[in-house]
N, C-alpha and C. Protein backbone atom coordinates (compact mmCIF):
# COMPACT_ATOMS: atom_id res chain seq x y z
N MET A 1 140.22 11.07 -83.36
CA MET A 1 139.77 10.28 -82.24
C MET A 1 139.12 11.18 -81.11
N ILE A 2 139.82 12.27 -80.79
CA ILE A 2 139.29 13.09 -79.77
C ILE A 2 137.91 13.68 -80.10
N GLU A 3 137.84 14.11 -81.43
CA GLU A 3 136.56 14.66 -81.90
C GLU A 3 135.46 13.60 -81.74
N LEU A 4 135.84 12.33 -82.14
CA LEU A 4 134.86 11.27 -82.10
C LEU A 4 134.45 11.01 -80.53
N PHE A 5 135.39 11.11 -79.73
CA PHE A 5 135.03 10.90 -78.24
C PHE A 5 134.09 12.03 -77.81
N ILE A 6 134.43 13.28 -78.21
CA ILE A 6 133.51 14.39 -77.78
C ILE A 6 132.11 14.27 -78.36
N ARG A 7 132.02 13.79 -79.66
CA ARG A 7 130.70 13.48 -80.20
C ARG A 7 129.96 12.36 -79.38
N GLY A 8 130.69 11.35 -79.04
CA GLY A 8 130.06 10.32 -78.22
C GLY A 8 129.65 10.87 -76.83
N LEU A 9 130.39 11.81 -76.30
CA LEU A 9 130.03 12.44 -74.99
C LEU A 9 128.75 13.18 -75.13
N VAL A 10 128.60 13.97 -76.17
CA VAL A 10 127.31 14.71 -76.45
C VAL A 10 126.24 13.74 -76.60
N PHE A 11 126.43 12.68 -77.39
CA PHE A 11 125.30 11.69 -77.63
C PHE A 11 124.94 11.06 -76.35
N GLY A 12 125.92 10.72 -75.50
CA GLY A 12 125.61 10.15 -74.16
C GLY A 12 124.78 11.05 -73.33
N LEU A 13 125.12 12.36 -73.22
CA LEU A 13 124.33 13.29 -72.53
C LEU A 13 122.91 13.30 -73.06
N ALA A 14 122.81 13.41 -74.35
CA ALA A 14 121.46 13.49 -75.01
C ALA A 14 120.55 12.26 -74.73
N ILE A 15 121.19 11.06 -74.79
CA ILE A 15 120.42 9.85 -74.62
C ILE A 15 120.00 9.74 -73.12
N ALA A 16 120.84 10.19 -72.17
CA ALA A 16 120.55 9.98 -70.73
C ALA A 16 119.60 11.08 -70.17
N ALA A 17 119.61 12.23 -70.76
CA ALA A 17 118.94 13.38 -70.23
C ALA A 17 117.42 13.27 -70.15
N PRO A 18 116.72 12.76 -71.18
CA PRO A 18 115.21 12.63 -71.06
C PRO A 18 114.86 11.93 -69.76
N VAL A 19 113.91 12.47 -68.95
CA VAL A 19 113.48 11.87 -67.76
C VAL A 19 112.46 10.78 -68.00
N GLY A 20 112.87 9.57 -67.75
CA GLY A 20 112.07 8.34 -67.87
C GLY A 20 112.03 7.65 -66.47
N PRO A 21 111.73 6.35 -66.48
CA PRO A 21 111.65 5.65 -65.22
C PRO A 21 113.02 5.57 -64.57
N ILE A 22 114.04 5.40 -65.27
CA ILE A 22 115.37 5.34 -64.62
C ILE A 22 115.69 6.70 -64.02
N GLY A 23 115.41 7.79 -64.77
CA GLY A 23 115.66 9.10 -64.21
C GLY A 23 114.88 9.41 -62.94
N LEU A 24 113.60 8.95 -62.88
CA LEU A 24 112.80 9.13 -61.74
C LEU A 24 113.34 8.30 -60.52
N LEU A 25 113.76 7.08 -60.81
CA LEU A 25 114.40 6.27 -59.74
C LEU A 25 115.60 6.92 -59.19
N CYS A 26 116.44 7.51 -60.02
CA CYS A 26 117.70 8.07 -59.49
C CYS A 26 117.42 9.31 -58.74
N ILE A 27 116.45 10.12 -59.18
CA ILE A 27 115.93 11.37 -58.43
C ILE A 27 115.52 11.01 -57.04
N ARG A 28 114.55 10.01 -57.02
CA ARG A 28 114.01 9.59 -55.75
C ARG A 28 115.00 8.92 -54.78
N ARG A 29 115.97 8.13 -55.33
CA ARG A 29 116.92 7.55 -54.53
C ARG A 29 117.97 8.49 -53.94
N THR A 30 118.26 9.55 -54.79
CA THR A 30 119.17 10.68 -54.35
C THR A 30 118.48 11.38 -53.12
N ILE A 31 117.19 11.65 -53.27
CA ILE A 31 116.46 12.30 -52.15
C ILE A 31 116.38 11.39 -50.91
N THR A 32 116.09 10.15 -51.00
CA THR A 32 115.82 9.39 -49.90
C THR A 32 117.16 8.70 -49.34
N ASP A 33 118.07 8.40 -50.20
CA ASP A 33 119.32 7.67 -49.71
C ASP A 33 120.54 8.48 -49.91
N GLY A 34 120.52 9.58 -50.63
CA GLY A 34 121.73 10.38 -50.70
C GLY A 34 122.30 10.32 -52.19
N ARG A 35 123.21 11.30 -52.37
CA ARG A 35 123.84 11.45 -53.64
C ARG A 35 124.50 10.21 -54.21
N LEU A 36 125.28 9.47 -53.41
CA LEU A 36 126.06 8.33 -53.90
C LEU A 36 125.13 7.25 -54.42
N VAL A 37 124.06 6.98 -53.75
CA VAL A 37 123.03 5.90 -54.17
C VAL A 37 122.40 6.41 -55.50
N GLY A 38 122.14 7.67 -55.58
CA GLY A 38 121.55 8.11 -56.79
C GLY A 38 122.50 8.09 -58.01
N PHE A 39 123.78 8.43 -57.68
CA PHE A 39 124.77 8.38 -58.79
C PHE A 39 125.02 6.93 -59.21
N VAL A 40 125.15 6.02 -58.31
CA VAL A 40 125.41 4.63 -58.57
C VAL A 40 124.23 4.07 -59.39
N SER A 41 122.99 4.43 -59.08
CA SER A 41 121.88 4.05 -59.87
C SER A 41 121.99 4.41 -61.32
N GLY A 42 122.37 5.66 -61.57
CA GLY A 42 122.67 6.16 -62.85
C GLY A 42 123.76 5.45 -63.51
N LEU A 43 124.79 5.09 -62.83
CA LEU A 43 125.90 4.35 -63.38
C LEU A 43 125.50 3.04 -63.92
N GLY A 44 124.52 2.42 -63.33
CA GLY A 44 123.98 1.15 -63.86
C GLY A 44 123.39 1.37 -65.26
N ALA A 45 122.65 2.47 -65.39
CA ALA A 45 122.07 2.72 -66.76
C ALA A 45 123.13 3.08 -67.72
N ALA A 46 124.17 3.78 -67.30
CA ALA A 46 125.33 4.14 -68.17
C ALA A 46 126.02 2.86 -68.62
N THR A 47 126.19 1.87 -67.73
CA THR A 47 126.80 0.67 -68.13
C THR A 47 126.03 -0.10 -69.13
N ALA A 48 124.72 -0.12 -68.96
CA ALA A 48 123.83 -0.84 -69.91
C ALA A 48 123.98 -0.11 -71.30
N ASP A 49 124.01 1.20 -71.29
CA ASP A 49 124.18 1.96 -72.59
C ASP A 49 125.43 1.59 -73.21
N ALA A 50 126.57 1.48 -72.43
CA ALA A 50 127.84 1.11 -72.97
C ALA A 50 127.85 -0.28 -73.65
N LEU A 51 127.26 -1.22 -72.95
CA LEU A 51 127.14 -2.61 -73.41
C LEU A 51 126.39 -2.61 -74.75
N TYR A 52 125.21 -2.02 -74.85
CA TYR A 52 124.44 -2.09 -76.03
C TYR A 52 125.10 -1.25 -77.14
N GLY A 53 125.79 -0.20 -76.68
CA GLY A 53 126.47 0.65 -77.68
C GLY A 53 127.68 -0.16 -78.32
N SER A 54 128.29 -1.02 -77.51
CA SER A 54 129.41 -1.86 -77.96
C SER A 54 128.85 -2.89 -78.98
N VAL A 55 127.74 -3.44 -78.82
CA VAL A 55 127.09 -4.34 -79.71
C VAL A 55 126.85 -3.73 -81.03
N ALA A 56 126.32 -2.41 -80.96
CA ALA A 56 126.02 -1.65 -82.16
C ALA A 56 127.26 -1.27 -82.90
N ALA A 57 128.27 -0.77 -82.15
CA ALA A 57 129.44 -0.22 -82.78
C ALA A 57 130.27 -1.35 -83.41
N LEU A 58 130.28 -2.54 -82.80
CA LEU A 58 131.21 -3.58 -83.35
C LEU A 58 130.45 -4.38 -84.49
N GLY A 59 129.18 -4.06 -84.72
CA GLY A 59 128.44 -4.77 -85.78
C GLY A 59 128.19 -6.15 -85.51
N LEU A 60 127.94 -6.40 -84.24
CA LEU A 60 127.66 -7.88 -83.79
C LEU A 60 126.28 -8.27 -84.13
N GLN A 61 126.08 -8.58 -85.47
CA GLN A 61 124.68 -8.86 -85.85
C GLN A 61 123.99 -10.02 -85.24
N ALA A 62 124.83 -11.12 -85.01
CA ALA A 62 124.28 -12.28 -84.45
C ALA A 62 123.76 -12.00 -83.08
N LEU A 63 124.65 -11.29 -82.28
CA LEU A 63 124.27 -11.00 -80.90
C LEU A 63 123.00 -10.03 -80.86
N SER A 64 123.02 -9.06 -81.80
CA SER A 64 121.85 -8.18 -81.84
C SER A 64 120.59 -8.92 -82.16
N ALA A 65 120.65 -9.93 -83.12
CA ALA A 65 119.48 -10.67 -83.47
C ALA A 65 119.02 -11.52 -82.25
N LEU A 66 119.95 -12.06 -81.50
CA LEU A 66 119.59 -12.81 -80.30
C LEU A 66 118.84 -12.02 -79.32
N ILE A 67 119.45 -10.75 -79.02
CA ILE A 67 118.80 -9.83 -78.10
C ILE A 67 117.44 -9.40 -78.55
N PHE A 68 117.25 -9.19 -79.81
CA PHE A 68 115.95 -8.73 -80.28
C PHE A 68 114.91 -9.88 -80.29
N SER A 69 115.47 -11.07 -80.39
CA SER A 69 114.54 -12.23 -80.35
C SER A 69 113.91 -12.42 -78.98
N LEU A 70 114.60 -11.86 -78.00
CA LEU A 70 114.15 -11.87 -76.53
C LEU A 70 113.40 -10.61 -76.14
N ASN A 71 113.16 -9.74 -77.18
CA ASN A 71 112.55 -8.44 -76.97
C ASN A 71 111.27 -8.54 -76.12
N THR A 72 110.36 -9.40 -76.55
CA THR A 72 109.07 -9.47 -75.84
C THR A 72 109.18 -9.94 -74.46
N ALA A 73 110.00 -10.92 -74.26
CA ALA A 73 110.25 -11.40 -72.90
C ALA A 73 110.93 -10.37 -71.99
N LEU A 74 111.82 -9.63 -72.57
CA LEU A 74 112.55 -8.49 -71.75
C LEU A 74 111.56 -7.45 -71.51
N GLN A 75 110.59 -7.17 -72.41
CA GLN A 75 109.64 -6.14 -72.18
C GLN A 75 108.67 -6.48 -71.04
N ILE A 76 108.31 -7.69 -71.08
CA ILE A 76 107.39 -8.29 -70.02
C ILE A 76 108.10 -8.20 -68.59
N VAL A 77 109.33 -8.69 -68.57
CA VAL A 77 110.07 -8.63 -67.29
C VAL A 77 110.27 -7.22 -66.87
N GLY A 78 110.78 -6.34 -67.81
CA GLY A 78 111.00 -5.06 -67.39
C GLY A 78 109.71 -4.24 -67.00
N GLY A 79 108.62 -4.49 -67.67
CA GLY A 79 107.36 -3.81 -67.35
C GLY A 79 106.83 -4.30 -65.96
N LEU A 80 106.88 -5.58 -65.66
CA LEU A 80 106.51 -6.10 -64.38
C LEU A 80 107.44 -5.58 -63.31
N ALA A 81 108.81 -5.47 -63.51
CA ALA A 81 109.69 -4.97 -62.57
C ALA A 81 109.45 -3.49 -62.32
N LEU A 82 109.06 -2.68 -63.29
CA LEU A 82 108.72 -1.24 -63.13
C LEU A 82 107.38 -1.15 -62.32
N ILE A 83 106.38 -2.06 -62.52
CA ILE A 83 105.26 -1.97 -61.72
C ILE A 83 105.42 -2.25 -60.34
N TRP A 84 106.29 -3.30 -60.08
CA TRP A 84 106.58 -3.65 -58.74
C TRP A 84 107.37 -2.46 -57.99
N ILE A 85 108.34 -1.90 -58.63
CA ILE A 85 109.11 -0.83 -58.13
C ILE A 85 108.16 0.34 -57.79
N GLY A 86 107.27 0.70 -58.78
CA GLY A 86 106.30 1.72 -58.53
C GLY A 86 105.41 1.54 -57.34
N LEU A 87 104.91 0.27 -57.26
CA LEU A 87 104.05 -0.05 -56.09
C LEU A 87 104.78 0.09 -54.75
N THR A 88 105.97 -0.42 -54.68
CA THR A 88 106.82 -0.31 -53.40
C THR A 88 107.10 1.12 -53.13
N THR A 89 107.30 1.99 -54.18
CA THR A 89 107.61 3.36 -53.99
C THR A 89 106.47 4.06 -53.40
N MET A 90 105.30 3.80 -53.96
CA MET A 90 104.06 4.49 -53.52
C MET A 90 103.76 4.14 -52.05
N ILE A 91 103.92 2.94 -51.57
CA ILE A 91 103.67 2.54 -50.20
C ILE A 91 104.80 2.69 -49.29
N ALA A 92 105.91 3.24 -49.80
CA ALA A 92 107.14 3.35 -48.91
C ALA A 92 106.86 4.33 -47.82
N ARG A 93 107.27 4.04 -46.63
CA ARG A 93 107.04 5.02 -45.52
C ARG A 93 108.11 6.03 -45.46
N PRO A 94 107.72 7.31 -45.63
CA PRO A 94 108.78 8.33 -45.75
C PRO A 94 109.33 8.65 -44.39
N VAL A 95 110.61 8.96 -44.38
CA VAL A 95 111.27 9.36 -43.15
C VAL A 95 112.11 10.60 -43.41
N SER A 96 112.56 11.26 -42.45
CA SER A 96 113.28 12.49 -42.55
C SER A 96 114.58 12.25 -43.35
N VAL A 97 114.94 13.14 -44.19
CA VAL A 97 116.15 12.92 -44.99
C VAL A 97 117.17 14.04 -44.67
N SER A 98 117.05 14.64 -43.51
CA SER A 98 117.89 15.76 -43.12
C SER A 98 119.36 15.36 -42.96
N ILE A 99 119.56 14.13 -42.60
CA ILE A 99 120.91 13.59 -42.35
C ILE A 99 121.20 12.52 -43.30
N GLU A 100 122.35 12.63 -44.05
CA GLU A 100 122.65 11.58 -45.13
C GLU A 100 123.60 10.58 -44.49
N SER A 101 123.16 9.36 -44.36
CA SER A 101 123.99 8.28 -43.83
C SER A 101 124.81 7.62 -44.93
N THR A 102 125.84 6.93 -44.57
CA THR A 102 126.66 6.26 -45.55
C THR A 102 126.02 4.95 -45.95
N PRO A 103 125.72 4.80 -47.25
CA PRO A 103 125.03 3.57 -47.77
C PRO A 103 125.93 2.34 -47.58
N THR A 104 125.27 1.18 -47.39
CA THR A 104 125.98 -0.03 -47.28
C THR A 104 126.40 -0.52 -48.67
N ARG A 105 127.37 -1.37 -48.79
CA ARG A 105 127.77 -1.96 -50.13
C ARG A 105 126.63 -2.70 -50.71
N ARG A 106 125.83 -3.33 -49.90
CA ARG A 106 124.69 -4.10 -50.45
C ARG A 106 123.68 -3.12 -51.00
N ARG A 107 123.46 -2.01 -50.42
CA ARG A 107 122.52 -1.04 -50.95
C ARG A 107 122.99 -0.43 -52.25
N LEU A 108 124.34 -0.16 -52.38
CA LEU A 108 124.90 0.32 -53.60
C LEU A 108 124.83 -0.65 -54.68
N LEU A 109 125.15 -1.94 -54.38
CA LEU A 109 125.10 -2.95 -55.40
C LEU A 109 123.59 -3.13 -55.91
N SER A 110 122.64 -3.09 -54.99
CA SER A 110 121.23 -3.23 -55.38
C SER A 110 120.88 -2.09 -56.33
N ALA A 111 121.27 -0.91 -55.96
CA ALA A 111 120.98 0.33 -56.72
C ALA A 111 121.50 0.18 -58.09
N TYR A 112 122.75 -0.23 -58.16
CA TYR A 112 123.44 -0.43 -59.47
C TYR A 112 122.87 -1.51 -60.42
N LEU A 113 122.63 -2.66 -59.79
CA LEU A 113 122.10 -3.75 -60.58
C LEU A 113 120.64 -3.59 -61.07
N SER A 114 119.84 -2.93 -60.17
CA SER A 114 118.41 -2.75 -60.56
C SER A 114 118.29 -1.82 -61.84
N THR A 115 119.08 -0.78 -61.95
CA THR A 115 119.02 0.12 -63.10
C THR A 115 119.69 -0.48 -64.25
N LEU A 116 120.80 -1.22 -64.01
CA LEU A 116 121.44 -1.98 -65.10
C LEU A 116 120.50 -2.90 -65.80
N LEU A 117 119.71 -3.72 -65.05
CA LEU A 117 118.93 -4.77 -65.61
C LEU A 117 117.72 -4.13 -66.25
N LEU A 118 117.17 -3.03 -65.59
CA LEU A 118 116.04 -2.35 -66.22
C LEU A 118 116.38 -1.75 -67.52
N THR A 119 117.58 -1.13 -67.66
CA THR A 119 117.95 -0.51 -68.90
C THR A 119 118.25 -1.62 -69.93
N LEU A 120 118.81 -2.71 -69.56
CA LEU A 120 119.09 -3.79 -70.50
C LEU A 120 117.77 -4.43 -71.05
N ALA A 121 116.72 -4.23 -70.24
CA ALA A 121 115.40 -4.78 -70.62
C ALA A 121 114.78 -3.99 -71.77
N ASN A 122 115.45 -3.04 -72.31
CA ASN A 122 115.01 -2.23 -73.44
C ASN A 122 116.00 -2.29 -74.62
N PRO A 123 115.89 -3.42 -75.37
CA PRO A 123 116.86 -3.63 -76.55
C PRO A 123 116.80 -2.56 -77.63
N ALA A 124 115.71 -1.79 -77.58
CA ALA A 124 115.52 -0.75 -78.62
C ALA A 124 116.75 0.24 -78.58
N THR A 125 117.38 0.24 -77.41
CA THR A 125 118.62 1.06 -77.31
C THR A 125 119.60 0.79 -78.33
N ILE A 126 119.73 -0.47 -78.70
CA ILE A 126 120.68 -0.94 -79.76
C ILE A 126 120.37 -0.13 -81.06
N LEU A 127 119.06 -0.05 -81.41
CA LEU A 127 118.68 0.60 -82.61
C LEU A 127 119.09 2.04 -82.64
N ILE A 128 118.97 2.72 -81.55
CA ILE A 128 119.41 4.10 -81.35
C ILE A 128 120.87 4.24 -81.70
N PHE A 129 121.65 3.44 -81.05
CA PHE A 129 123.13 3.47 -81.27
C PHE A 129 123.50 3.08 -82.67
N THR A 130 122.84 2.09 -83.24
CA THR A 130 123.10 1.66 -84.64
C THR A 130 122.93 2.86 -85.60
N VAL A 131 121.81 3.56 -85.39
CA VAL A 131 121.49 4.66 -86.28
C VAL A 131 122.61 5.75 -86.17
N ILE A 132 122.98 6.06 -84.89
CA ILE A 132 124.01 7.12 -84.53
C ILE A 132 125.32 6.66 -85.19
N PHE A 133 125.73 5.41 -84.91
CA PHE A 133 127.07 4.97 -85.41
C PHE A 133 127.15 4.77 -86.90
N ALA A 134 125.98 4.41 -87.47
CA ALA A 134 125.96 4.24 -88.96
C ALA A 134 126.04 5.70 -89.58
N GLY A 135 125.37 6.65 -89.00
CA GLY A 135 125.54 7.99 -89.48
C GLY A 135 126.87 8.55 -89.45
N LEU A 136 127.76 8.03 -88.50
CA LEU A 136 129.05 8.57 -88.39
C LEU A 136 130.09 7.59 -89.08
N GLY A 137 129.52 6.46 -89.65
CA GLY A 137 130.39 5.55 -90.41
C GLY A 137 131.27 4.74 -89.54
N THR A 138 130.87 4.48 -88.26
CA THR A 138 131.83 3.73 -87.36
C THR A 138 131.38 2.28 -87.12
N VAL A 139 130.23 1.86 -87.66
CA VAL A 139 129.79 0.52 -87.39
C VAL A 139 130.73 -0.52 -88.06
N GLY A 140 131.23 -1.46 -87.16
CA GLY A 140 132.06 -2.48 -87.68
C GLY A 140 133.53 -2.05 -87.73
N LYS A 141 133.79 -0.83 -87.34
CA LYS A 141 135.24 -0.38 -87.25
C LYS A 141 135.67 -0.28 -85.86
N GLY A 142 136.07 -1.47 -85.37
CA GLY A 142 136.42 -1.64 -83.95
C GLY A 142 136.88 -0.47 -83.19
N GLY A 143 138.13 -0.01 -83.50
CA GLY A 143 138.77 1.06 -82.67
C GLY A 143 137.93 2.38 -82.63
N MET A 144 137.53 2.87 -83.84
CA MET A 144 136.66 4.01 -83.91
C MET A 144 135.35 3.89 -83.12
N GLY A 145 134.72 2.73 -83.31
CA GLY A 145 133.45 2.49 -82.65
C GLY A 145 133.59 2.44 -81.13
N LEU A 146 134.60 1.87 -80.65
CA LEU A 146 134.83 1.79 -79.20
C LEU A 146 135.12 3.11 -78.54
N VAL A 147 135.87 4.00 -79.40
CA VAL A 147 136.07 5.36 -78.81
C VAL A 147 134.79 6.11 -78.69
N LEU A 148 133.95 5.90 -79.68
CA LEU A 148 132.70 6.49 -79.63
C LEU A 148 131.76 6.01 -78.46
N VAL A 149 131.89 4.66 -78.27
CA VAL A 149 131.14 4.05 -77.08
C VAL A 149 131.62 4.60 -75.80
N ALA A 150 133.02 4.76 -75.71
CA ALA A 150 133.59 5.30 -74.49
C ALA A 150 133.10 6.80 -74.15
N GLY A 151 132.96 7.48 -75.35
CA GLY A 151 132.39 8.85 -75.23
C GLY A 151 131.04 8.86 -74.69
N VAL A 152 130.16 7.92 -75.24
CA VAL A 152 128.78 7.78 -74.82
C VAL A 152 128.68 7.42 -73.42
N ALA A 153 129.50 6.47 -72.97
CA ALA A 153 129.38 6.01 -71.58
C ALA A 153 129.83 7.16 -70.58
N CYS A 154 130.81 7.89 -70.98
CA CYS A 154 131.32 9.06 -70.19
C CYS A 154 130.23 10.13 -70.18
N GLY A 155 129.57 10.35 -71.28
CA GLY A 155 128.54 11.35 -71.38
C GLY A 155 127.36 10.99 -70.40
N SER A 156 126.98 9.69 -70.52
CA SER A 156 125.87 9.25 -69.73
C SER A 156 126.15 9.35 -68.21
N ALA A 157 127.40 8.91 -67.86
CA ALA A 157 127.88 9.02 -66.44
C ALA A 157 127.92 10.55 -66.01
N LEU A 158 128.29 11.35 -66.86
CA LEU A 158 128.39 12.75 -66.60
C LEU A 158 127.01 13.34 -66.22
N TRP A 159 126.02 12.92 -67.06
CA TRP A 159 124.66 13.44 -66.76
C TRP A 159 124.18 12.96 -65.32
N TRP A 160 124.38 11.64 -65.06
CA TRP A 160 123.96 11.13 -63.75
C TRP A 160 124.72 11.81 -62.54
N THR A 161 126.01 12.18 -62.81
CA THR A 161 126.69 12.89 -61.86
C THR A 161 126.02 14.29 -61.55
N LEU A 162 125.78 15.06 -62.64
CA LEU A 162 125.20 16.34 -62.62
C LEU A 162 123.76 16.21 -61.91
N LEU A 163 122.97 15.25 -62.36
CA LEU A 163 121.69 15.07 -61.81
C LEU A 163 121.59 14.79 -60.36
N SER A 164 122.38 13.76 -59.95
CA SER A 164 122.42 13.40 -58.54
C SER A 164 122.98 14.56 -57.74
N GLY A 165 123.95 15.33 -58.22
CA GLY A 165 124.56 16.40 -57.51
C GLY A 165 123.55 17.56 -57.24
N TRP A 166 122.79 17.84 -58.32
CA TRP A 166 121.75 18.86 -58.20
C TRP A 166 120.72 18.52 -57.28
N VAL A 167 120.19 17.29 -57.41
CA VAL A 167 119.17 16.83 -56.52
C VAL A 167 119.51 16.82 -55.05
N SER A 168 120.82 16.37 -54.85
CA SER A 168 121.27 16.34 -53.42
C SER A 168 121.35 17.71 -52.72
N LEU A 169 121.55 18.77 -53.58
CA LEU A 169 121.57 20.07 -53.03
C LEU A 169 120.16 20.46 -52.54
N MET A 170 119.16 19.83 -53.05
CA MET A 170 117.72 20.26 -52.76
C MET A 170 117.20 19.37 -51.57
N ARG A 171 117.87 18.25 -51.37
CA ARG A 171 117.29 17.18 -50.51
C ARG A 171 117.07 17.63 -49.09
N GLN A 172 117.95 18.61 -48.58
CA GLN A 172 117.86 19.08 -47.13
C GLN A 172 116.49 19.83 -47.00
N ARG A 173 115.93 20.31 -48.06
CA ARG A 173 114.63 21.10 -47.89
C ARG A 173 113.43 20.23 -48.03
N VAL A 174 113.65 18.85 -48.30
CA VAL A 174 112.56 17.96 -48.47
C VAL A 174 112.00 17.55 -47.05
N THR A 175 110.73 17.86 -46.85
CA THR A 175 110.09 17.48 -45.58
C THR A 175 109.35 16.13 -45.79
N VAL A 176 108.91 15.48 -44.73
CA VAL A 176 108.26 14.25 -44.76
C VAL A 176 106.98 14.35 -45.59
N PRO A 177 106.12 15.36 -45.44
CA PRO A 177 104.93 15.44 -46.35
C PRO A 177 105.36 15.52 -47.81
N VAL A 178 106.41 16.36 -48.12
CA VAL A 178 106.77 16.44 -49.47
C VAL A 178 107.31 15.10 -50.05
N LEU A 179 108.02 14.43 -49.22
CA LEU A 179 108.67 13.08 -49.53
C LEU A 179 107.50 12.16 -49.77
N ARG A 180 106.44 12.19 -49.06
CA ARG A 180 105.23 11.40 -49.25
C ARG A 180 104.59 11.66 -50.58
N LEU A 181 104.54 12.84 -50.98
CA LEU A 181 103.99 13.29 -52.28
C LEU A 181 104.88 12.77 -53.42
N ILE A 182 106.23 12.96 -53.22
CA ILE A 182 107.23 12.45 -54.13
C ILE A 182 107.06 10.91 -54.33
N ASN A 183 106.93 10.23 -53.33
CA ASN A 183 106.77 8.69 -53.38
C ASN A 183 105.46 8.36 -54.22
N LEU A 184 104.45 9.09 -53.83
CA LEU A 184 103.19 8.82 -54.58
C LEU A 184 103.23 9.12 -56.00
N VAL A 185 103.69 10.25 -56.38
CA VAL A 185 103.72 10.66 -57.79
C VAL A 185 104.74 9.87 -58.58
N SER A 186 105.92 9.76 -58.05
CA SER A 186 106.94 8.96 -58.82
C SER A 186 106.54 7.54 -58.95
N GLY A 187 105.96 6.95 -57.93
CA GLY A 187 105.54 5.55 -57.98
C GLY A 187 104.47 5.36 -59.06
N LEU A 188 103.55 6.34 -59.06
CA LEU A 188 102.41 6.20 -60.00
C LEU A 188 102.96 6.37 -61.47
N VAL A 189 103.92 7.27 -61.72
CA VAL A 189 104.49 7.50 -63.08
C VAL A 189 105.32 6.22 -63.40
N ILE A 190 106.00 5.70 -62.56
CA ILE A 190 106.81 4.45 -62.85
C ILE A 190 105.90 3.31 -63.16
N ILE A 191 104.77 3.18 -62.49
CA ILE A 191 103.90 2.18 -62.86
C ILE A 191 103.26 2.38 -64.19
N CYS A 192 102.99 3.61 -64.60
CA CYS A 192 102.52 3.94 -65.94
C CYS A 192 103.55 3.49 -67.03
N PHE A 193 104.80 3.76 -66.72
CA PHE A 193 105.90 3.26 -67.63
C PHE A 193 105.86 1.80 -67.76
N GLY A 194 105.63 1.07 -66.62
CA GLY A 194 105.54 -0.42 -66.67
C GLY A 194 104.48 -0.91 -67.43
N VAL A 195 103.26 -0.29 -67.25
CA VAL A 195 102.07 -0.73 -68.01
C VAL A 195 102.23 -0.47 -69.56
N THR A 196 102.76 0.71 -69.78
CA THR A 196 103.06 0.97 -71.18
C THR A 196 104.02 0.03 -71.86
N ALA A 197 105.00 -0.48 -71.15
CA ALA A 197 105.94 -1.45 -71.70
C ALA A 197 105.30 -2.78 -71.88
N LEU A 198 104.28 -3.13 -71.05
CA LEU A 198 103.52 -4.35 -71.18
C LEU A 198 102.58 -4.34 -72.45
N LEU A 199 101.90 -3.11 -72.53
CA LEU A 199 100.96 -2.92 -73.63
C LEU A 199 101.60 -2.83 -75.02
N SER A 200 102.83 -2.27 -74.99
CA SER A 200 103.50 -2.05 -76.26
C SER A 200 104.45 -3.17 -76.77
N ARG A 201 104.39 -4.25 -76.02
CA ARG A 201 105.22 -5.41 -76.36
C ARG A 201 104.84 -6.01 -77.73
N ASP A 202 105.78 -6.64 -78.40
CA ASP A 202 105.49 -7.29 -79.69
C ASP A 202 104.63 -8.51 -79.45
N MET A 203 103.60 -8.71 -80.28
CA MET A 203 102.73 -9.81 -80.13
C MET A 203 103.20 -10.95 -81.07
């Protein structure tokens, strides 16, 4: 079981590490709002990974089929949400980030739910977990599958902890002109992710 958990931990790190729209959001939020907001944003993605991982590990075929039947709708919603977030990021007015204020509960909840829902809008994650779990022979084997899912969730959370921690060390050096550039570039890239999601949806 320990070995299985460690494997899940490694898989969780590998799945979370590639920088996509969620990674960009977490990086920018860490710079503008502080380490806690960045970490909580990543935690939303880790929660979504754990939920979809559980569906794959437990072999819940009916639920998987239902989620995949909504794939096109989820891609449209997710794509439009990314475009909106990208636009608001590009036009956001940068302010000095030299002092890190304590975020409100509402801000933390918003950061968590936004990345949770964006990650859930990509059902293809289930396929990734299904392939991984099938290769390890844990699909449909409740206890073993859930141990692996726990490892994946912890690995994903560990990555977001490391990322937000590293970025927070750099935020004191970020000036307003640099932040303006970060807003522009990250917003544009997030919009591109959104457009790609819309264009690649199933017809």
